[in-house]
């Protein structure tokens, strides 16, 4: 009988600990927010050679075309999402 009570208490503590961790760190998992991405999102990259590439990056409602070389990064173009 005492073993049964100890098992139930152990499971209860494990369950409550899981709920606490989910409540505390659940926002980092983006549960329910999968369609809304925030921050930078790389759309595409074209490699031009050794340590040189063009990258299309999206941030919120803006799109940026960035050129990256061996020692420099340049903003080549920027536009609002949905513009021609």
Protein backbone atom coordinates (compact mmCIF):
# COMPACT_ATOMS: atom_id res chain seq x y z
CA UNK A 1 0.00 0.00 0.00
CA UNK A 2 2.78 2.47 0.90
CA UNK A 3 4.52 1.72 -2.41
CA UNK A 4 1.32 2.66 -4.27
CA UNK A 5 1.10 6.00 -2.42
CA UNK A 6 4.76 6.77 -3.17
CA UNK A 7 4.23 6.01 -6.88
CA UNK A 8 1.16 8.27 -7.02
CA UNK A 9 2.99 11.10 -5.25
CA UNK A 10 5.97 10.72 -7.60
CA UNK A 11 3.70 10.89 -10.65
CA UNK A 12 1.88 13.90 -9.22
CA UNK A 13 5.17 15.75 -8.64
CA UNK A 14 6.38 14.86 -12.15
CA UNK A 15 3.10 16.07 -13.69
CA UNK A 16 3.13 19.36 -11.76
CA UNK A 17 6.79 19.93 -12.64
CA UNK A 18 5.99 19.39 -16.32
CA UNK A 19 3.14 21.91 -16.14
CA UNK A 20 5.39 24.44 -14.42
CA UNK A 21 8.12 24.08 -17.07
CA UNK A 22 5.59 24.31 -19.90
CA UNK A 23 4.08 27.47 -18.40
CA UNK A 24 7.49 29.05 -17.89
CA UNK A 25 9.18 28.12 -21.19
CA UNK A 26 6.17 27.43 -23.43
CA UNK A 27 6.40 30.82 -25.13
CA UNK A 28 9.81 29.86 -26.49
CA UNK A 29 8.25 26.86 -28.20
CA UNK A 30 5.81 29.13 -30.08
CA UNK A 31 2.86 26.85 -29.42
CA UNK A 32 -0.14 28.23 -31.31
CA UNK A 33 2.01 30.83 -33.06
CA UNK A 34 3.45 28.70 -35.86
CA UNK A 35 2.05 30.79 -38.71
CA UNK A 36 3.34 34.10 -37.33
CA UNK A 37 7.11 34.17 -37.64
CA UNK A 38 8.87 37.15 -36.19
CA UNK A 39 12.35 38.35 -36.87
CA UNK A 40 14.54 37.69 -39.88
CA UNK A 41 13.71 35.01 -42.42
CA UNK A 42 16.08 34.03 -45.22
CA UNK A 43 14.10 33.55 -48.42
CA UNK A 44 16.87 32.48 -50.79
CA UNK A 45 20.64 32.61 -51.28
CA UNK A 46 22.67 32.47 -54.47
CA UNK A 47 26.36 31.63 -54.14
CA UNK A 48 28.57 33.58 -56.53
CA UNK A 49 31.95 32.15 -55.60
CA UNK A 50 34.29 31.75 -52.67
CA UNK A 51 32.78 33.67 -49.72
CA UNK A 52 30.50 35.67 -52.05
CA UNK A 53 26.74 35.41 -52.28
CA UNK A 54 23.47 37.28 -52.70
CA UNK A 55 20.80 36.74 -50.11
CA UNK A 56 17.13 37.68 -50.07
CA UNK A 57 16.00 38.37 -46.49
CA UNK A 58 12.56 39.23 -45.12
CA UNK A 59 11.94 41.25 -41.97
CA UNK A 60 8.33 41.96 -40.96
CA UNK A 61 6.83 43.58 -44.11
CA UNK A 62 10.15 44.44 -45.80
CA UNK A 63 12.35 42.45 -48.18
CA UNK A 64 16.08 43.11 -48.53
CA UNK A 65 18.56 42.02 -51.19
CA UNK A 66 21.97 41.78 -49.54
CA UNK A 67 25.30 41.23 -51.23
CA UNK A 68 27.98 39.60 -49.11
CA UNK A 69 31.66 39.52 -50.05
CA UNK A 70 34.75 38.28 -48.31
CA UNK A 71 35.14 41.49 -46.27
CA UNK A 72 31.95 43.49 -46.81
CA UNK A 73 28.16 43.36 -46.69
CA UNK A 74 26.09 45.67 -48.91
CA UNK A 75 22.40 46.45 -49.06
CA UNK A 76 21.63 46.28 -52.78
CA UNK A 77 17.88 46.84 -52.67
CA UNK A 78 14.95 47.05 -50.26
CA UNK A 79 11.20 47.10 -50.79
CA UNK A 80 7.94 46.54 -48.97
CA UNK A 81 6.44 43.09 -49.27
CA UNK A 82 3.85 43.03 -52.02
CA UNK A 83 5.31 45.94 -54.03
CA UNK A 84 6.37 45.35 -57.62
